[in-house]
Protein backbone atom coordinates (compact mmCIF):
# COMPACT_ATOMS: atom_id res chain seq x y z
CA MET A 1 20.89 -7.27 33.17
CA ASP A 2 17.81 -6.43 35.18
CA PHE A 3 18.98 -8.06 38.43
CA LEU A 4 22.14 -5.93 38.43
CA LYS A 5 20.05 -2.79 38.11
CA LYS A 6 17.78 -3.84 40.99
CA LEU A 7 20.83 -4.27 43.22
CA GLY A 8 22.29 -0.88 42.29
CA ILE A 9 25.26 -2.35 40.43
CA GLU A 10 26.77 0.15 38.00
CA GLY A 11 29.64 0.18 35.52
CA VAL A 12 32.03 1.32 38.24
CA ASN A 13 31.24 0.60 41.90
CA ALA A 14 32.75 1.84 45.13
CA GLY A 15 34.47 -1.06 46.84
CA THR A 16 34.88 0.75 50.14
CA SER A 17 31.96 1.78 52.35
CA THR A 18 31.05 2.54 55.95
CA GLY A 19 27.36 2.00 55.34
CA GLN A 20 26.49 5.58 54.39
CA LYS A 21 29.74 6.88 52.97
CA TYR A 22 31.26 5.37 49.82
CA PHE A 23 34.86 5.74 48.69
CA GLU A 24 36.19 5.46 45.17
CA SER A 25 39.81 5.16 44.05
CA LYS A 26 41.81 5.20 40.84
CA GLU A 27 42.70 1.53 41.09
CA VAL A 28 39.92 -0.85 40.12
CA ILE A 29 39.44 -4.57 39.72
CA SER A 30 37.05 -6.14 37.25
CA SER A 31 34.48 -8.79 38.01
CA HIS A 32 34.04 -11.39 35.28
CA THR A 33 31.40 -14.07 35.13
CA PRO A 34 32.75 -17.64 34.90
CA VAL A 35 29.75 -18.45 32.69
CA ASP A 36 31.29 -16.90 29.55
CA GLY A 37 34.19 -14.80 30.81
CA LYS A 38 32.49 -11.48 30.14
CA LYS A 39 33.19 -8.50 32.35
CA ILE A 40 30.29 -7.58 34.61
CA ALA A 41 31.57 -4.34 36.16
CA ASN A 42 34.52 -2.59 37.80
CA ILE A 43 35.01 -2.14 41.54
CA SER A 44 37.35 0.38 43.14
CA VAL A 45 40.09 -0.98 45.41
CA THR A 46 40.47 0.22 49.00
CA THR A 47 43.48 2.49 49.55
CA LYS A 48 45.44 2.58 52.79
CA GLU A 49 44.03 6.02 53.60
CA GLN A 50 40.48 4.78 53.01
CA TYR A 51 41.14 1.74 55.17
CA GLU A 52 42.29 3.95 58.02
CA GLU A 53 39.13 6.01 57.75
CA VAL A 54 36.98 2.89 57.74
CA VAL A 55 38.64 1.60 60.91
CA ALA A 56 38.32 4.98 62.64
CA THR A 57 34.64 5.17 61.69
CA ALA A 58 34.08 1.62 62.93
CA GLN A 59 35.70 2.46 66.26
CA GLU A 60 33.33 5.38 66.77
CA ALA A 61 30.32 3.32 65.71
CA PHE A 62 31.21 0.64 68.24
CA LYS A 63 30.92 3.16 71.07
CA VAL A 64 27.29 3.69 70.06
CA TRP A 65 26.34 0.19 68.96
CA ARG A 66 27.58 -1.57 72.10
CA GLU A 67 25.24 0.57 74.21
CA VAL A 68 22.17 -0.41 72.19
CA PRO A 69 20.31 -3.16 74.10
CA ALA A 70 20.83 -6.56 72.49
CA PRO A 71 17.11 -7.08 71.65
CA GLN A 72 17.13 -3.74 69.83
CA ARG A 73 20.21 -4.83 67.91
CA GLY A 74 18.22 -7.94 67.07
CA GLU A 75 15.45 -5.76 65.68
CA ILE A 76 17.91 -4.22 63.22
CA VAL A 77 19.03 -7.69 62.17
CA ARG A 78 15.36 -8.66 61.74
CA GLN A 79 14.93 -5.76 59.35
CA ILE A 80 18.04 -6.83 57.46
CA GLY A 81 16.45 -10.26 57.07
CA GLN A 82 13.30 -8.65 55.70
CA LYS A 83 15.31 -6.58 53.26
CA LEU A 84 17.13 -9.71 52.09
CA ARG A 85 13.75 -11.33 51.44
CA GLU A 86 12.85 -8.39 49.19
CA PHE A 87 16.08 -8.78 47.21
CA LYS A 88 16.35 -12.57 47.31
CA GLU A 89 15.72 -13.16 43.61
CA PRO A 90 18.15 -10.57 42.15
CA LEU A 91 20.78 -11.30 44.81
CA GLY A 92 20.53 -15.03 44.14
CA LYS A 93 21.06 -14.35 40.44
CA LEU A 94 24.09 -12.19 41.18
CA VAL A 95 25.63 -14.97 43.28
CA THR A 96 25.00 -17.37 40.39
CA TYR A 97 26.30 -15.04 37.69
CA GLU A 98 29.42 -13.87 39.52
CA MET A 99 30.37 -17.15 41.24
CA GLY A 100 28.94 -19.79 38.90
CA LYS A 101 26.81 -22.00 41.15
CA ILE A 102 23.39 -22.91 39.74
CA ASN A 103 20.54 -20.53 40.47
CA GLN A 104 18.85 -22.82 43.00
CA GLU A 105 22.07 -22.83 44.98
CA GLY A 106 22.40 -19.07 44.61
CA LEU A 107 18.89 -18.60 45.96
CA GLY A 108 19.67 -21.13 48.68
CA GLU A 109 22.67 -19.11 49.75
CA VAL A 110 20.53 -16.00 50.14
CA GLN A 111 17.96 -18.05 52.06
CA GLU A 112 20.77 -19.10 54.38
CA MET A 113 21.41 -15.41 55.07
CA ILE A 114 17.73 -14.92 55.87
CA ASP A 115 17.78 -17.95 58.15
CA ILE A 116 20.82 -16.74 60.09
CA CYS A 117 19.11 -13.37 60.56
CA ASP A 118 16.12 -15.16 62.09
CA PHE A 119 18.45 -17.18 64.30
CA ALA A 120 20.33 -14.06 65.41
CA VAL A 121 17.09 -12.25 66.30
CA GLY A 122 16.23 -15.00 68.77
CA LEU A 123 19.80 -15.07 70.02
CA SER A 124 19.63 -11.37 70.84
CA ARG A 125 17.46 -12.29 73.84
CA GLN A 126 19.58 -15.28 74.85
CA LEU A 127 23.13 -14.01 75.42
CA TYR A 128 23.17 -15.83 78.72
CA GLY A 129 25.85 -15.72 81.39
CA LEU A 130 26.10 -17.85 84.53
CA THR A 131 25.85 -17.37 88.26
CA MET A 132 27.88 -19.43 90.67
CA HIS A 133 28.06 -19.66 94.47
CA SER A 134 30.91 -17.81 96.10
CA GLU A 135 32.85 -19.45 98.92
CA ARG A 136 32.75 -16.10 100.73
CA PRO A 137 29.62 -15.04 102.66
CA GLN A 138 27.53 -12.15 101.36
CA HIS A 139 29.19 -12.27 97.95
CA ARG A 140 27.60 -12.80 94.57
CA MET A 141 29.66 -14.21 91.71
CA TYR A 142 28.58 -14.36 88.10
CA GLU A 143 29.89 -14.09 84.55
CA GLN A 144 28.64 -11.98 81.69
CA TRP A 145 29.55 -11.41 78.07
CA HIS A 146 30.57 -8.12 76.43
CA PRO A 147 31.16 -7.29 72.75
CA LEU A 148 34.73 -7.43 71.48
CA GLY A 149 34.76 -4.39 69.20
CA ILE A 150 35.62 -4.61 65.51
CA VAL A 151 35.28 -8.03 63.90
CA GLY A 152 37.26 -8.51 60.69
CA ILE A 153 35.62 -10.91 58.23
CA ILE A 154 37.58 -12.33 55.29
CA SER A 155 35.39 -14.54 53.12
CA ALA A 156 35.97 -16.74 50.06
CA PHE A 157 34.48 -16.79 46.57
CA ASN A 158 32.55 -20.06 46.87
CA PHE A 159 30.03 -18.66 49.35
CA PRO A 160 30.30 -14.95 48.59
CA VAL A 161 27.44 -13.83 50.87
CA ALA A 162 26.31 -16.62 53.24
CA VAL A 163 29.55 -17.08 55.19
CA TRP A 164 29.77 -13.33 55.76
CA SER A 165 26.27 -13.41 57.24
CA TRP A 166 27.13 -16.31 59.57
CA ASN A 167 29.66 -13.99 61.15
CA ALA A 168 28.13 -10.56 60.69
CA MET A 169 24.60 -11.21 61.92
CA ILE A 170 25.76 -13.05 65.04
CA ALA A 171 28.44 -10.45 65.76
CA ALA A 172 25.91 -7.65 65.24
CA VAL A 173 23.52 -8.86 67.93
CA CYS A 174 26.55 -9.39 70.19
CA GLY A 175 27.27 -5.66 69.88
CA ASP A 176 30.27 -5.79 67.54
CA VAL A 177 30.87 -3.80 64.37
CA MET A 178 32.21 -5.42 61.22
CA ILE A 179 34.80 -4.81 58.51
CA TRP A 180 34.31 -7.22 55.62
CA LYS A 181 36.77 -8.12 52.90
CA GLY A 182 35.18 -10.45 50.39
CA SER A 183 37.01 -12.37 47.69
CA GLU A 184 38.42 -10.32 44.84
CA LYS A 185 36.88 -13.01 42.58
CA THR A 186 33.32 -12.08 43.66
CA PRO A 187 33.51 -8.42 44.72
CA LEU A 188 30.11 -7.36 43.39
CA CYS A 189 28.34 -9.58 45.91
CA GLY A 190 29.92 -7.51 48.68
CA VAL A 191 28.92 -4.27 47.00
CA ALA A 192 25.31 -5.44 46.63
CA ILE A 193 25.05 -6.57 50.26
CA GLN A 194 26.52 -3.30 51.51
CA LYS A 195 23.89 -1.35 49.59
CA ILE A 196 21.10 -3.48 51.08
CA ILE A 197 22.47 -3.02 54.59
CA ALA A 198 22.81 0.73 54.08
CA LYS A 199 19.07 1.02 53.45
CA VAL A 200 18.32 -0.48 56.89
CA LEU A 201 20.91 1.68 58.65
CA LYS A 202 19.50 4.83 57.06
CA GLU A 203 15.89 3.93 57.84
CA ASN A 204 16.83 3.55 61.52
CA ASN A 205 19.06 6.64 61.76
CA LEU A 206 21.99 4.50 62.84
CA PRO A 207 25.56 5.76 62.58
CA GLU A 208 27.76 4.68 59.73
CA GLY A 209 30.51 2.26 60.58
CA ILE A 210 28.52 -0.69 61.96
CA PHE A 211 28.79 -2.66 58.71
CA ASN A 212 31.84 -1.78 56.63
CA LEU A 213 33.25 -3.03 53.33
CA VAL A 214 36.78 -3.04 51.97
CA THR A 215 37.91 -4.49 48.64
CA GLY A 216 41.25 -5.64 47.34
CA ASP A 217 43.77 -8.41 47.16
CA ARG A 218 45.99 -10.01 49.78
CA GLU A 219 47.45 -6.66 50.86
CA VAL A 220 44.09 -5.41 52.17
CA GLY A 221 43.66 -8.64 54.10
CA GLU A 222 47.11 -8.19 55.62
CA TRP A 223 46.16 -4.70 56.83
CA MET A 224 43.31 -6.33 58.72
CA THR A 225 45.24 -9.25 60.18
CA GLU A 226 48.07 -6.98 61.35
CA ASP A 227 45.73 -4.38 62.86
CA GLU A 228 45.66 -4.47 66.68
CA ARG A 229 42.43 -2.45 66.60
CA ILE A 230 40.67 -5.56 65.24
CA PRO A 231 40.55 -8.07 68.11
CA LEU A 232 38.97 -10.89 66.06
CA ILE A 233 39.61 -12.05 62.51
CA SER A 234 37.24 -14.62 61.03
CA ALA A 235 38.82 -15.97 57.84
CA THR A 236 37.61 -18.52 55.31
CA GLY A 237 39.97 -19.86 52.68
CA SER A 238 42.87 -22.20 51.98
CA ILE A 239 44.97 -23.89 54.63
CA ARG A 240 48.00 -21.94 53.40
CA MET A 241 46.18 -18.66 53.87
CA GLY A 242 44.83 -19.72 57.25
CA LYS A 243 48.26 -20.54 58.59
CA GLU A 244 49.48 -17.07 57.65
CA VAL A 245 46.45 -15.46 59.28
CA ALA A 246 46.88 -17.52 62.44
CA LYS A 247 50.57 -16.64 62.65
CA THR A 248 50.01 -12.91 62.16
CA VAL A 249 46.96 -12.52 64.41
CA GLY A 250 48.41 -14.85 67.03
CA GLY A 251 51.61 -12.82 67.01
CA ARG A 252 49.65 -9.84 68.32
CA LEU A 253 47.61 -12.11 70.64
CA GLY A 254 44.43 -11.49 68.69
CA LYS A 255 41.65 -14.03 68.22
CA THR A 256 40.81 -15.99 65.09
CA ILE A 257 37.98 -18.09 63.69
CA LEU A 258 39.47 -20.13 60.85
CA GLU A 259 37.41 -22.12 58.33
CA LEU A 260 39.97 -23.67 56.00
CA GLY A 261 40.27 -26.68 53.71
CA GLY A 262 38.16 -29.81 53.75
CA ASN A 263 38.94 -33.26 52.36
CA ASN A 264 35.56 -34.73 53.10
CA ALA A 265 34.69 -38.39 52.83
CA ILE A 266 31.59 -40.56 52.77
CA ILE A 267 31.82 -44.16 53.91
CA ILE A 268 29.34 -46.45 52.15
CA SER A 269 28.87 -49.62 54.20
CA GLU A 270 27.62 -52.94 52.89
CA ASN A 271 24.63 -52.18 55.13
CA ALA A 272 23.82 -48.90 53.40
CA ASP A 273 20.74 -47.81 51.50
CA ILE A 274 22.74 -47.61 48.28
CA GLU A 275 20.39 -45.35 46.30
CA MET A 276 20.21 -42.86 49.15
CA ALA A 277 24.00 -42.91 49.42
CA ILE A 278 24.38 -42.36 45.67
CA ARG A 279 22.09 -39.32 45.67
CA ALA A 280 23.96 -37.73 48.56
CA THR A 281 27.31 -38.50 46.93
CA VAL A 282 26.43 -36.92 43.60
CA PHE A 283 25.06 -33.76 45.21
CA GLY A 284 28.08 -33.49 47.46
CA ALA A 285 30.60 -34.13 44.69
CA VAL A 286 29.27 -32.10 41.75
CA GLY A 287 27.25 -29.41 43.56
CA THR A 288 28.80 -25.95 43.11
CA CYS A 289 31.11 -27.75 40.66
CA GLY A 290 33.01 -29.24 43.58
CA GLN A 291 33.84 -25.85 45.06
CA ARG A 292 32.20 -26.17 48.45
CA CYS A 293 34.44 -26.52 51.47
CA THR A 294 32.08 -29.39 52.36
CA SER A 295 32.18 -30.99 48.90
CA THR A 296 32.55 -34.77 48.91
CA ARG A 297 36.12 -35.53 47.81
CA ARG A 298 36.56 -39.17 48.85
CA LEU A 299 34.11 -42.08 48.66
CA ILE A 300 35.18 -45.02 50.81
CA ILE A 301 33.16 -48.04 49.64
CA HIS A 302 32.87 -51.56 51.05
CA GLU A 303 34.27 -54.11 48.61
CA SER A 304 30.97 -56.03 48.44
CA VAL A 305 29.11 -53.05 46.95
CA TYR A 306 32.05 -51.27 45.28
CA ASP A 307 31.30 -52.28 41.69
CA GLN A 308 27.59 -51.56 42.11
CA VAL A 309 28.31 -48.04 43.41
CA LYS A 310 30.93 -47.35 40.74
CA GLU A 311 28.69 -48.39 37.86
CA ARG A 312 25.75 -46.42 39.23
CA LEU A 313 27.89 -43.29 39.61
CA ILE A 314 29.20 -43.54 36.05
CA SER A 315 25.67 -43.85 34.68
CA ILE A 316 24.55 -40.76 36.61
CA TYR A 317 27.64 -38.72 35.72
CA GLU A 318 27.02 -39.45 32.04
CA ASN A 319 23.67 -37.67 32.31
CA VAL A 320 24.58 -34.70 34.50
CA THR A 321 23.63 -31.45 32.74
CA ILE A 322 26.50 -28.97 32.53
CA GLY A 323 25.90 -25.43 31.37
CA ASP A 324 24.66 -21.93 32.10
CA PRO A 325 23.85 -21.91 35.82
CA LEU A 326 21.03 -19.42 35.28
CA GLU A 327 19.23 -21.86 32.97
CA PRO A 328 16.63 -24.20 34.54
CA GLY A 329 17.67 -27.83 34.47
CA THR A 330 21.41 -27.18 34.79
CA LEU A 331 22.99 -29.20 37.60
CA VAL A 332 26.64 -28.19 37.20
CA GLY A 333 27.90 -24.72 36.42
CA PRO A 334 31.45 -23.56 35.72
CA LEU A 335 34.57 -23.44 37.86
CA ILE A 336 35.41 -19.96 39.09
CA ASP A 337 38.33 -19.22 36.72
CA ASP A 338 41.16 -20.56 34.56
CA LEU A 339 43.34 -21.19 37.61
CA ALA A 340 40.74 -23.59 38.99
CA VAL A 341 40.53 -25.37 35.63
CA ASP A 342 44.32 -25.72 35.51
CA ALA A 343 44.43 -27.03 39.09
CA MET A 344 41.91 -29.72 38.19
CA GLN A 345 43.88 -30.81 35.13
CA LYS A 346 47.11 -31.01 37.13
CA ALA A 347 45.35 -33.11 39.76
CA LEU A 348 44.07 -35.55 37.12
CA LYS A 349 47.58 -35.95 35.72
CA GLN A 350 48.93 -36.54 39.22
CA ILE A 351 46.34 -39.25 39.84
CA LYS A 352 47.63 -41.19 36.83
CA LYS A 353 51.25 -40.52 37.76
CA GLU A 354 50.73 -42.05 41.20
CA GLY A 355 49.06 -45.15 39.80
CA GLY A 356 45.41 -44.19 39.98
CA LYS A 357 42.86 -44.42 37.19
CA VAL A 358 40.44 -41.76 35.96
CA ILE A 359 37.38 -43.81 35.08
CA TYR A 360 35.12 -40.99 33.94
CA GLY A 361 35.22 -37.31 33.01
CA GLY A 362 37.72 -34.56 33.75
CA GLU A 363 37.68 -32.96 30.30
CA VAL A 364 37.62 -29.21 29.76
CA LEU A 365 34.55 -28.47 27.69
CA ASP A 366 34.97 -26.65 24.40
CA ARG A 367 32.78 -23.66 25.10
CA GLU A 368 32.99 -20.15 26.56
CA GLY A 369 33.53 -19.98 30.29
CA HIS A 370 35.29 -22.33 32.68
CA PHE A 371 33.37 -25.57 32.24
CA VAL A 372 34.67 -29.05 33.02
CA ARG A 373 33.17 -32.51 33.18
CA PRO A 374 33.04 -33.87 36.75
CA ALA A 375 35.50 -36.73 37.20
CA LEU A 376 35.57 -40.10 38.94
CA ALA A 377 38.89 -41.73 39.82
CA GLU A 378 39.96 -44.98 41.46
CA VAL A 379 42.80 -44.28 43.89
CA GLN A 380 44.53 -45.28 47.11
CA ASN A 381 43.93 -43.07 50.13
CA GLU A 382 47.66 -42.56 50.72
CA TYR A 383 48.28 -40.95 47.31
CA THR A 384 49.75 -37.47 47.72
CA ILE A 385 47.07 -35.94 45.51
CA VAL A 386 44.31 -37.59 47.56
CA GLN A 387 45.79 -36.17 50.75
CA GLU A 388 45.41 -32.67 49.31
CA GLU A 389 42.24 -30.74 48.56
CA THR A 390 41.64 -29.91 44.91
CA PHE A 391 38.82 -27.38 44.65
CA ALA A 392 37.17 -29.06 41.69
CA PRO A 393 34.66 -31.85 40.96
CA ILE A 394 36.96 -34.86 41.33
CA LEU A 395 35.55 -37.76 43.35
CA TYR A 396 38.03 -40.37 44.58
CA LEU A 397 36.76 -43.95 44.89
CA ILE A 398 38.50 -46.03 47.57
CA LYS A 399 37.74 -49.67 48.40
CA TYR A 400 37.75 -51.07 51.94
CA LYS A 401 37.31 -54.48 53.58
CA THR A 402 36.69 -53.83 57.29
CA ILE A 403 35.12 -50.93 59.16
CA GLU A 404 38.43 -50.41 60.96
CA GLU A 405 40.14 -49.99 57.61
CA ALA A 406 37.43 -47.57 56.45
CA MET A 407 37.86 -45.41 59.56
CA SER A 408 41.62 -45.45 59.13
CA TYR A 409 41.23 -44.13 55.58
CA HIS A 410 38.59 -41.65 56.63
CA ASN A 411 40.66 -40.05 59.40
CA GLY A 412 43.94 -40.46 57.55
CA VAL A 413 44.09 -36.95 56.11
CA LYS A 414 45.20 -33.64 57.63
CA GLN A 415 41.84 -31.93 57.10
CA GLY A 416 38.81 -32.46 59.32
CA LEU A 417 35.75 -30.51 58.24
CA SER A 418 32.77 -32.66 57.22
CA SER A 419 32.16 -36.41 57.08
CA ALA A 420 29.37 -38.89 56.52
CA MET A 421 28.56 -42.58 56.72
CA PHE A 422 25.73 -44.46 55.07
CA THR A 423 24.63 -47.51 57.00
CA LEU A 424 21.45 -49.03 58.41
CA ASN A 425 23.50 -50.81 61.06
CA MET A 426 23.06 -49.04 64.41
CA ARG A 427 26.44 -50.11 65.75
CA GLU A 428 28.27 -48.80 62.70
CA ALA A 429 26.36 -45.51 62.88
CA GLU A 430 27.02 -44.97 66.58
CA ASN A 431 30.66 -45.92 66.18
CA PHE A 432 31.06 -43.34 63.41
CA VAL A 433 29.91 -40.46 65.62
CA SER A 434 31.66 -41.71 68.78
CA ALA A 435 34.84 -40.29 70.30
CA HIS A 436 36.92 -42.86 68.39
CA GLY A 437 34.96 -42.41 65.15
CA SER A 438 35.07 -39.47 62.73
CA ASP A 439 37.61 -36.83 63.73
CA CYS A 440 35.78 -34.06 61.83
CA GLY A 441 33.85 -31.10 63.15
CA ILE A 442 30.76 -32.39 61.31
CA ALA A 443 29.84 -36.08 61.30
CA ASN A 444 26.62 -37.19 59.57
CA VAL A 445 24.84 -40.50 59.24
CA ASN A 446 22.68 -41.20 56.18
CA ILE A 447 23.04 -37.67 54.84
CA GLY A 448 25.92 -36.26 52.81
CA THR A 449 28.84 -34.04 53.68
CA SER A 450 27.39 -30.77 52.34
CA GLY A 451 24.27 -28.81 53.22
CA ALA A 452 24.92 -27.90 56.87
CA GLU A 453 22.06 -26.21 58.73
CA ILE A 454 22.62 -22.84 60.40
CA GLY A 455 21.34 -24.06 63.79
CA GLY A 456 24.49 -26.06 64.47
CA ALA A 457 28.00 -24.72 64.93
CA PHE A 458 29.91 -24.98 61.64
CA GLY A 459 33.61 -25.75 61.52
CA GLY A 460 36.30 -28.39 61.55
CA GLU A 461 39.36 -29.78 63.25
CA LYS A 462 43.03 -30.37 62.40
CA GLU A 463 44.15 -28.23 59.44
CA THR A 464 40.58 -27.07 58.84
CA GLY A 465 41.34 -24.56 61.59
CA GLY A 466 39.19 -25.44 64.58
CA GLY A 467 36.91 -22.41 64.35
CA ARG A 468 33.13 -22.40 64.72
CA GLU A 469 30.60 -20.13 63.04
CA SER A 470 26.83 -19.86 62.71
CA GLY A 471 24.63 -21.65 65.28
CA SER A 472 24.75 -23.30 68.69
CA ASP A 473 27.00 -21.30 71.05
CA ALA A 474 29.35 -20.05 68.32
CA TRP A 475 28.26 -16.53 69.38
CA LYS A 476 30.70 -16.70 72.30
CA ALA A 477 33.64 -16.27 69.92
CA TYR A 478 32.43 -12.75 69.12
CA MET A 479 32.33 -11.66 72.75
CA ARG A 480 34.63 -11.42 75.74
CA ARG A 481 33.82 -13.23 78.96
CA GLN A 482 33.93 -11.30 82.23
CA THR A 483 33.70 -12.80 85.73
CA ASN A 484 32.22 -10.49 88.37
CA THR A 485 32.20 -10.76 92.14
CA ILE A 486 30.15 -8.33 94.21
CA ASN A 487 30.57 -8.04 97.97
CA TRP A 488 27.28 -6.85 99.40
CA GLY A 489 28.31 -7.32 103.04
CA ASP A 490 30.26 -5.15 105.47
CA GLU A 491 33.32 -7.40 105.81
CA LEU A 492 36.17 -8.31 103.47
CA PRO A 493 36.79 -12.06 103.66
CA LEU A 494 39.50 -13.31 101.29
CA ALA A 495 39.31 -16.36 99.06
CA GLN A 496 40.85 -19.65 100.16
CA GLY A 497 40.53 -18.52 103.78
CA ILE A 498 43.59 -16.29 103.55
CA SER A 499 44.13 -13.94 106.48
CA PHE A 500 45.79 -10.61 105.77
CA ASP A 501 45.69 -8.10 108.62
CA VAL A 502 46.80 -4.52 108.27
């Protein structure tokens, strides 16, 4: 395919790189498209020896990169953004072909990378510290921020390039160097990005080791999480995986940014603009075939509009176009693999076992690839299956009577990533985003749960992990804070008025 050629993707690709140097190995993994199951290409797996060389190279690069003034680091990121603009179309197609999201979403993911580059360029001139008054005369006290060193980034298949950029571009302007392990389900996206980055590094005569790539399964990730030379691990994935990462990194007193599961809900009030709520619900529930961490999983509907919403959803679901995500007009592409299809089918059986009712969809389509029909199910919030996150297009419909009951359902899960409420009632809206309202890291009113902008900090609470990436002041996680006090006088007064004569 032409877009693979434009991105430099070959039959066999090096899965380990320091930006200029590429490593191959005997062991390879194959990337298959979920569209029809065909193999796209092979990627070599990182060996332990190659990993050690990558880390050593990154350590040396950090010594150089941290001394580059932050605005100059921002200039490199600006050039990366420009290069991504040049490759937006083929890269968007690769995201679509390897992951399965429709092409508009693939292009949107690349645009998100471009946007975070723009954001990071501005940030490179705004890494502000603080000054504070000292209680001691002729003393100046202030705080400043320094880069951490190597940042380890472990990303998931559902956003194979954007989430990496949220971390990498911010960390880069902060003066850090990166080692990235993408998902073994979408390894070619990492290879393509590394090749694009390498062009910028070479054009600017920068040392290798600033942006690094490793490829492999859980073992490679464990090398990173156990490595004391990597002070920060930013990991996106399942709650199970996140708990293991937190335990391992915490055991060596390292730092983590964890973006884990979501069990996101929309509350539709009797005061809602119903058509607006429906549009947001459908996009949130079936977009990316329900494989966003911000996908809408639960729809909590006031009893007075419940039947209206249910009937409208069924009519829309009956007309959703499912098929090749590269084809114009397709709204729902495939699930990532057979495991995801099986997980969805098990969840649908569990719904019925617990007393729920699947009112539409859920079938596996009889065609090549991993295609399913998005499902609607009537359930109770306390069902075990509803309390879990199934990474598939299943939307749970839950009826409520009072706003207190709705909020109890909404917050009554262990995850806390994204949330939304549709209402034209100001009191309901303000209550939803108040301290006693949504307990999620993201709380929206009259927009859905998915489609976060890069300007705000992204992340969640409870078992979602508590980390923050992307905008706002999330940059502080990639740096270390240092408090400085300078005595510019000729005496040595002590704090708290302590007297110590010698």
